[in-house]
């Protein structure tokens, strides 16, 4: 169940960050409210995941996978440049997360 909580924490964190882009610097009401709502929910699920899993593993996965997903969303949805360096960096983040899981 802890891995499900971690997955939900990541998805809500990514949703909050995406809503932040739509909030246009907190000038749009609904996306601005969603930023706070999604981050609170994400933190709640992260807290549940920490009860059973190592904090070092959880935080690395949460931040790494979240960063990779936001980068992909930025490229696909917001038409940000998908440079070779960005794609290599996403690959290295994924390798790092896999490495942390193999360490167990």
C-alpha atoms as a PDB file:
ATOM      1  CA  UNK A   1       0.000   0.000   0.000  1.00  0.00           C
ATOM      2  CA  UNK A   2       2.923   2.366   0.679  1.00  0.00           C
ATOM      3  CA  UNK A   3       3.954   2.228  -2.980  1.00  0.00           C
ATOM      4  CA  UNK A   4       0.428   3.208  -3.994  1.00  0.00           C
ATOM      5  CA  UNK A   5       0.609   6.152  -1.580  1.00  0.00           C
ATOM      6  CA  UNK A   6       3.944   7.170  -3.089  1.00  0.00           C
ATOM      7  CA  UNK A   7       2.526   6.939  -6.610  1.00  0.00           C
ATOM      8  CA  UNK A   8      -0.438   9.113  -5.622  1.00  0.00           C
ATOM      9  CA  UNK A   9       1.902  11.602  -3.922  1.00  0.00           C
ATOM     10  CA  UNK A  10       3.901  11.895  -7.148  1.00  0.00           C
ATOM     11  CA  UNK A  11       0.806  12.302  -9.317  1.00  0.00           C
ATOM     12  CA  UNK A  12      -0.660  15.014  -7.082  1.00  0.00           C
ATOM     13  CA  UNK A  13       2.687  16.833  -6.877  1.00  0.00           C
ATOM     14  CA  UNK A  14       2.964  16.811 -10.668  1.00  0.00           C
ATOM     15  CA  UNK A  15      -0.654  17.997 -10.911  1.00  0.00           C
ATOM     16  CA  UNK A  16       0.120  20.842  -8.516  1.00  0.00           C
ATOM     17  CA  UNK A  17       3.157  21.905 -10.497  1.00  0.00           C
ATOM     18  CA  UNK A  18       1.183  21.751 -13.740  1.00  0.00           C
ATOM     19  CA  UNK A  19      -1.598  23.823 -12.162  1.00  0.00           C
ATOM     20  CA  UNK A  20       1.077  26.330 -11.161  1.00  0.00           C
ATOM     21  CA  UNK A  21       1.906  26.849 -14.834  1.00  0.00           C
ATOM     22  CA  UNK A  22      -1.802  27.364 -15.615  1.00  0.00           C
ATOM     23  CA  UNK A  23      -2.167  29.820 -12.712  1.00  0.00           C
ATOM     24  CA  UNK A  24      -0.037  32.377 -14.614  1.00  0.00           C
ATOM     25  CA  UNK A  25       1.796  33.522 -11.490  1.00  0.00           C
ATOM     26  CA  UNK A  26      -1.259  32.994  -9.260  1.00  0.00           C
ATOM     27  CA  UNK A  27      -3.358  35.416 -11.316  1.00  0.00           C
ATOM     28  CA  UNK A  28      -5.948  32.756 -12.274  1.00  0.00           C
ATOM     29  CA  UNK A  29      -8.126  31.736  -9.320  1.00  0.00           C
ATOM     30  CA  UNK A  30      -9.016  28.098 -10.030  1.00  0.00           C
ATOM     31  CA  UNK A  31      -5.523  26.902 -11.024  1.00  0.00           C
ATOM     32  CA  UNK A  32      -4.091  28.826  -8.049  1.00  0.00           C
ATOM     33  CA  UNK A  33      -6.433  27.035  -5.656  1.00  0.00           C
ATOM     34  CA  UNK A  34      -5.618  23.706  -7.284  1.00  0.00           C
ATOM     35  CA  UNK A  35      -1.892  24.275  -6.700  1.00  0.00           C
ATOM     36  CA  UNK A  36      -2.435  24.410  -2.948  1.00  0.00           C
ATOM     37  CA  UNK A  37      -4.991  21.603  -2.901  1.00  0.00           C
ATOM     38  CA  UNK A  38      -2.803  19.236  -4.934  1.00  0.00           C
ATOM     39  CA  UNK A  39       0.313  19.966  -2.854  1.00  0.00           C
ATOM     40  CA  UNK A  40      -1.556  19.356   0.412  1.00  0.00           C
ATOM     41  CA  UNK A  41      -2.911  16.053  -0.917  1.00  0.00           C
ATOM     42  CA  UNK A  42       0.534  15.096  -2.226  1.00  0.00           C
ATOM     43  CA  UNK A  43       2.133  15.800   1.152  1.00  0.00           C
ATOM     44  CA  UNK A  44      -0.561  13.733   2.873  1.00  0.00           C
ATOM     45  CA  UNK A  45       0.097  10.716   0.662  1.00  0.00           C
ATOM     46  CA  UNK A  46       3.853  11.196   1.052  1.00  0.00           C
ATOM     47  CA  UNK A  47       3.371  11.149   4.810  1.00  0.00           C
ATOM     48  CA  UNK A  48       1.475   7.854   4.568  1.00  0.00           C
ATOM     49  CA  UNK A  49       4.208   6.316   2.404  1.00  0.00           C
ATOM     50  CA  UNK A  50       6.922   7.348   4.867  1.00  0.00           C
ATOM     51  CA  UNK A  51       5.305   5.260   7.593  1.00  0.00           C
ATOM     52  CA  UNK A  52       6.560   2.018   6.015  1.00  0.00           C
ATOM     53  CA  UNK A  53       9.320   2.959   3.570  1.00  0.00           C
ATOM     54  CA  UNK A  54      12.705   4.649   4.042  1.00  0.00           C
ATOM     55  CA  UNK A  55      12.520   8.429   3.800  1.00  0.00           C
ATOM     56  CA  UNK A  56      15.711   8.592   1.713  1.00  0.00           C
ATOM     57  CA  UNK A  57      14.235   6.223  -0.864  1.00  0.00           C
ATOM     58  CA  UNK A  58      10.801   7.852  -0.846  1.00  0.00           C
ATOM     59  CA  UNK A  59      12.057  11.398  -1.249  1.00  0.00           C
ATOM     60  CA  UNK A  60      14.494  10.494  -4.025  1.00  0.00           C
ATOM     61  CA  UNK A  61      11.771   8.695  -5.974  1.00  0.00           C
ATOM     62  CA  UNK A  62       9.167  11.406  -5.301  1.00  0.00           C
ATOM     63  CA  UNK A  63      11.406  14.232  -6.436  1.00  0.00           C
ATOM     64  CA  UNK A  64      13.142  12.332  -9.260  1.00  0.00           C
ATOM     65  CA  UNK A  65      10.042  10.865 -10.881  1.00  0.00           C
ATOM     66  CA  UNK A  66       8.175  14.132 -10.344  1.00  0.00           C
ATOM     67  CA  UNK A  67      10.965  16.053 -12.063  1.00  0.00           C
ATOM     68  CA  UNK A  68      11.042  13.619 -14.976  1.00  0.00           C
ATOM     69  CA  UNK A  69       7.259  13.752 -15.408  1.00  0.00           C
ATOM     70  CA  UNK A  70       7.162  17.555 -15.265  1.00  0.00           C
ATOM     71  CA  UNK A  71       9.917  17.720 -17.866  1.00  0.00           C
ATOM     72  CA  UNK A  72       7.958  15.399 -20.153  1.00  0.00           C
ATOM     73  CA  UNK A  73       4.762  17.422 -19.591  1.00  0.00           C
ATOM     74  CA  UNK A  74       6.681  20.613 -20.347  1.00  0.00           C
ATOM     75  CA  UNK A  75       7.933  19.182 -23.624  1.00  0.00           C
ATOM     76  CA  UNK A  76       4.675  17.584 -24.766  1.00  0.00           C
ATOM     77  CA  UNK A  77       2.015  19.933 -23.392  1.00  0.00           C
ATOM     78  CA  UNK A  78       3.713  23.328 -23.115  1.00  0.00           C
ATOM     79  CA  UNK A  79       5.932  22.902 -26.180  1.00  0.00           C
ATOM     80  CA  UNK A  80       9.161  23.468 -24.250  1.00  0.00           C
ATOM     81  CA  UNK A  81      12.276  22.453 -26.154  1.00  0.00           C
ATOM     82  CA  UNK A  82      13.100  18.747 -25.843  1.00  0.00           C
ATOM     83  CA  UNK A  83      16.847  19.022 -26.127  1.00  0.00           C
ATOM     84  CA  UNK A  84      19.189  16.073 -26.159  1.00  0.00           C
ATOM     85  CA  UNK A  85      20.556  17.163 -22.789  1.00  0.00           C
ATOM     86  CA  UNK A  86      17.042  17.185 -21.272  1.00  0.00           C
ATOM     87  CA  UNK A  87      16.293  13.707 -22.601  1.00  0.00           C
ATOM     88  CA  UNK A  88      19.629  12.315 -21.376  1.00  0.00           C
ATOM     89  CA  UNK A  89      19.006  13.917 -17.985  1.00  0.00           C
ATOM     90  CA  UNK A  90      15.554  12.312 -17.710  1.00  0.00           C
ATOM     91  CA  UNK A  91      17.146   8.965 -18.576  1.00  0.00           C
ATOM     92  CA  UNK A  92      19.757   9.458 -15.825  1.00  0.00           C
ATOM     93  CA  UNK A  93      17.030  10.299 -13.291  1.00  0.00           C
ATOM     94  CA  UNK A  94      15.200   7.085 -14.183  1.00  0.00           C
ATOM     95  CA  UNK A  95      18.438   5.082 -13.889  1.00  0.00           C
ATOM     96  CA  UNK A  96      19.041   6.669 -10.475  1.00  0.00           C
ATOM     97  CA  UNK A  97      15.560   5.738  -9.233  1.00  0.00           C
ATOM     98  CA  UNK A  98      16.025   2.171 -10.467  1.00  0.00           C
ATOM     99  CA  UNK A  99      19.415   2.055  -8.728  1.00  0.00           C
ATOM    100  CA  UNK A 100      17.895   3.174  -5.446  1.00  0.00           C
ATOM    101  CA  UNK A 101      15.279   0.434  -5.679  1.00  0.00           C
ATOM    102  CA  UNK A 102      17.886  -2.224  -6.501  1.00  0.00           C
ATOM    103  CA  UNK A 103      19.868  -1.212  -3.426  1.00  0.00           C
ATOM    104  CA  UNK A 104      17.267  -2.928  -1.251  1.00  0.00           C
END
